[in-house]
C-alpha cells in the first residue's frame, strides 16, 4: 500500500527555509517542492516508470509564480 502524504499548505511552502544542501518537500503523488541553498523554490514532478525502472523529473516552474 502506498504511503499517504499530507498536501503542503501555502504557509508551509512560504516558511520553507534554505539549508546547506538542497532538499525536497513532498506534496503527494510525486509532486515535490525543491528548496535550494540560495532560497530558490521550484515545483517538480518525480515520475517513476515501473516497467523500465527509470525515473524522470519534470519541472513546473518556480514558487510563487507557479
N, C-alpha and C. Protein backbone atom coordinates (compact mmCIF):
# COMPACT_ATOMS: atom_id res chain seq x y z
N UNK A 1 0.83 -1.18 0.00
CA UNK A 1 0.00 0.00 0.00
C UNK A 1 0.88 1.24 0.00
N UNK A 2 0.48 2.24 -0.75
CA UNK A 2 1.25 3.48 -0.87
C UNK A 2 1.14 4.30 0.41
N UNK A 3 2.22 5.01 0.71
CA UNK A 3 2.24 5.88 1.87
C UNK A 3 1.50 7.18 1.53
N UNK A 4 0.56 7.58 2.38
CA UNK A 4 -0.20 8.80 2.15
C UNK A 4 0.55 10.00 2.70
N UNK A 5 0.58 11.07 1.95
CA UNK A 5 1.27 12.29 2.33
C UNK A 5 0.27 13.43 2.43
N UNK A 6 0.38 14.23 3.49
CA UNK A 6 -0.49 15.38 3.65
C UNK A 6 -0.03 16.46 2.68
N UNK A 7 -0.94 17.02 1.88
CA UNK A 7 -0.55 18.08 0.93
C UNK A 7 0.03 19.30 1.66
N UNK A 8 0.98 19.94 1.01
CA UNK A 8 1.60 21.14 1.58
C UNK A 8 0.61 22.30 1.55
N UNK A 9 0.66 23.12 2.57
CA UNK A 9 -0.15 24.33 2.58
C UNK A 9 0.70 25.48 2.08
N UNK A 10 0.06 26.58 1.70
CA UNK A 10 0.78 27.75 1.23
C UNK A 10 1.72 28.28 2.33
N UNK A 11 1.28 28.23 3.57
CA UNK A 11 2.11 28.69 4.69
C UNK A 11 3.36 27.83 4.84
N UNK A 12 3.23 26.50 4.72
CA UNK A 12 4.39 25.61 4.82
C UNK A 12 5.40 25.89 3.71
N UNK A 13 4.90 26.15 2.51
CA UNK A 13 5.78 26.44 1.37
C UNK A 13 6.50 27.77 1.59
N UNK A 14 5.77 28.78 2.02
CA UNK A 14 6.36 30.10 2.27
C UNK A 14 7.44 30.04 3.34
N UNK A 15 7.21 29.23 4.38
CA UNK A 15 8.12 29.18 5.52
C UNK A 15 9.26 28.19 5.34
N UNK A 16 9.35 27.51 4.21
CA UNK A 16 10.45 26.57 3.95
C UNK A 16 11.74 27.38 3.82
N UNK A 17 12.65 27.17 4.74
CA UNK A 17 13.90 27.93 4.77
C UNK A 17 15.01 27.16 4.07
N UNK A 18 15.94 27.87 3.42
CA UNK A 18 17.07 27.18 2.78
C UNK A 18 17.99 26.55 3.82
N UNK A 19 18.58 25.44 3.45
CA UNK A 19 19.56 24.73 4.29
C UNK A 19 20.88 24.67 3.53
N UNK A 20 21.88 24.04 4.12
CA UNK A 20 23.19 23.95 3.47
C UNK A 20 23.14 23.14 2.19
N UNK A 21 22.25 22.14 2.14
CA UNK A 21 22.11 21.30 0.95
C UNK A 21 20.69 21.39 0.42
N UNK A 22 20.53 21.09 -0.85
CA UNK A 22 19.22 21.04 -1.49
C UNK A 22 18.36 20.00 -0.78
N UNK A 23 17.08 20.31 -0.57
CA UNK A 23 16.17 19.32 -0.02
C UNK A 23 14.81 19.45 -0.69
N UNK A 24 13.98 18.41 -0.51
CA UNK A 24 12.69 18.36 -1.17
C UNK A 24 11.59 18.14 -0.13
N UNK A 25 10.45 18.79 -0.36
CA UNK A 25 9.26 18.60 0.46
C UNK A 25 8.20 17.95 -0.43
N UNK A 26 7.62 16.85 0.03
CA UNK A 26 6.65 16.12 -0.78
C UNK A 26 5.25 16.68 -0.59
N UNK A 27 4.54 16.82 -1.71
CA UNK A 27 3.16 17.27 -1.70
C UNK A 27 2.22 16.09 -1.98
N UNK A 28 2.77 14.93 -2.27
CA UNK A 28 1.98 13.74 -2.55
C UNK A 28 1.84 13.48 -4.05
N UNK A 29 1.73 12.24 -4.41
CA UNK A 29 1.52 11.85 -5.80
C UNK A 29 2.69 12.13 -6.72
N UNK A 30 3.89 12.31 -6.16
CA UNK A 30 5.08 12.57 -6.97
C UNK A 30 5.41 14.04 -7.13
N UNK A 31 4.54 14.93 -6.65
CA UNK A 31 4.81 16.37 -6.75
C UNK A 31 5.68 16.80 -5.57
N UNK A 32 6.77 17.50 -5.88
CA UNK A 32 7.74 17.90 -4.86
C UNK A 32 8.05 19.38 -4.97
N UNK A 33 8.37 19.98 -3.83
CA UNK A 33 8.90 21.34 -3.80
C UNK A 33 10.39 21.20 -3.49
N UNK A 34 11.22 21.66 -4.41
CA UNK A 34 12.68 21.58 -4.23
C UNK A 34 13.17 22.93 -3.72
N UNK A 35 13.86 22.94 -2.57
CA UNK A 35 14.37 24.16 -1.96
C UNK A 35 15.89 24.13 -2.05
N UNK A 36 16.47 25.11 -2.77
CA UNK A 36 17.91 25.17 -2.97
C UNK A 36 18.58 25.98 -1.86
N UNK A 37 19.88 25.83 -1.66
CA UNK A 37 20.59 26.58 -0.61
C UNK A 37 20.50 28.10 -0.75
N UNK A 38 20.28 28.61 -1.95
CA UNK A 38 20.15 30.06 -2.13
C UNK A 38 18.73 30.55 -1.88
N UNK A 39 17.80 29.65 -1.50
CA UNK A 39 16.43 30.01 -1.18
C UNK A 39 15.47 29.89 -2.34
N UNK A 40 15.93 29.54 -3.54
CA UNK A 40 15.09 29.39 -4.72
C UNK A 40 14.23 28.13 -4.58
N UNK A 41 12.93 28.23 -4.82
CA UNK A 41 11.99 27.11 -4.67
C UNK A 41 11.37 26.80 -6.02
N UNK A 42 11.39 25.53 -6.40
CA UNK A 42 10.80 25.11 -7.67
C UNK A 42 9.92 23.88 -7.45
N UNK A 43 8.87 23.79 -8.26
CA UNK A 43 7.99 22.62 -8.25
C UNK A 43 8.49 21.62 -9.28
N UNK A 44 8.59 20.35 -8.89
CA UNK A 44 8.97 19.29 -9.83
C UNK A 44 8.04 18.09 -9.63
N UNK A 45 7.91 17.31 -10.68
CA UNK A 45 7.15 16.06 -10.62
C UNK A 45 8.13 14.93 -10.85
N UNK A 46 8.22 14.02 -9.90
CA UNK A 46 9.14 12.89 -9.98
C UNK A 46 8.35 11.68 -10.44
N UNK A 47 8.57 11.27 -11.69
CA UNK A 47 7.83 10.18 -12.30
C UNK A 47 8.67 8.91 -12.29
N UNK A 48 8.06 7.80 -11.87
CA UNK A 48 8.73 6.50 -11.86
C UNK A 48 7.99 5.55 -12.79
N UNK A 49 8.72 4.95 -13.73
CA UNK A 49 8.12 4.00 -14.67
C UNK A 49 8.52 2.59 -14.24
N UNK A 50 7.57 1.82 -13.68
CA UNK A 50 7.91 0.50 -13.13
C UNK A 50 8.38 -0.52 -14.17
N UNK A 51 7.92 -0.38 -15.42
CA UNK A 51 8.31 -1.37 -16.43
C UNK A 51 9.77 -1.21 -16.85
N UNK A 52 10.22 0.03 -16.97
CA UNK A 52 11.61 0.28 -17.36
C UNK A 52 12.49 0.60 -16.16
N UNK A 53 11.88 0.78 -14.98
CA UNK A 53 12.58 1.10 -13.74
C UNK A 53 13.42 2.37 -13.87
N UNK A 54 12.86 3.36 -14.56
CA UNK A 54 13.57 4.62 -14.73
C UNK A 54 12.79 5.75 -14.07
N UNK A 55 13.52 6.78 -13.67
CA UNK A 55 12.92 7.96 -13.05
C UNK A 55 13.13 9.16 -13.95
N UNK A 56 12.13 10.03 -13.97
CA UNK A 56 12.20 11.26 -14.73
C UNK A 56 11.67 12.38 -13.86
N UNK A 57 12.37 13.49 -13.82
CA UNK A 57 11.90 14.68 -13.09
C UNK A 57 11.49 15.74 -14.10
N UNK A 58 10.29 16.27 -13.93
CA UNK A 58 9.75 17.29 -14.81
C UNK A 58 9.52 18.55 -13.99
N UNK A 59 10.12 19.66 -14.41
CA UNK A 59 9.96 20.92 -13.69
C UNK A 59 8.71 21.67 -14.15
N UNK A 60 8.00 22.26 -13.18
CA UNK A 60 6.79 23.03 -13.49
C UNK A 60 6.98 24.52 -13.35
N UNK A 61 8.02 24.95 -12.69
CA UNK A 61 8.23 26.38 -12.51
C UNK A 61 8.59 26.71 -11.08
N UNK A 62 8.85 27.98 -10.85
CA UNK A 62 9.30 28.40 -9.52
C UNK A 62 8.13 28.86 -8.67
N UNK A 63 8.35 28.84 -7.38
CA UNK A 63 7.36 29.36 -6.43
C UNK A 63 7.69 30.82 -6.20
N UNK A 64 6.79 31.73 -6.16
CA UNK A 64 5.34 31.65 -6.11
C UNK A 64 4.66 31.82 -7.47
N UNK A 65 5.41 31.95 -8.57
CA UNK A 65 4.80 32.17 -9.89
C UNK A 65 3.89 31.00 -10.29
N UNK A 66 4.28 29.78 -9.96
CA UNK A 66 3.50 28.61 -10.34
C UNK A 66 2.79 28.06 -9.13
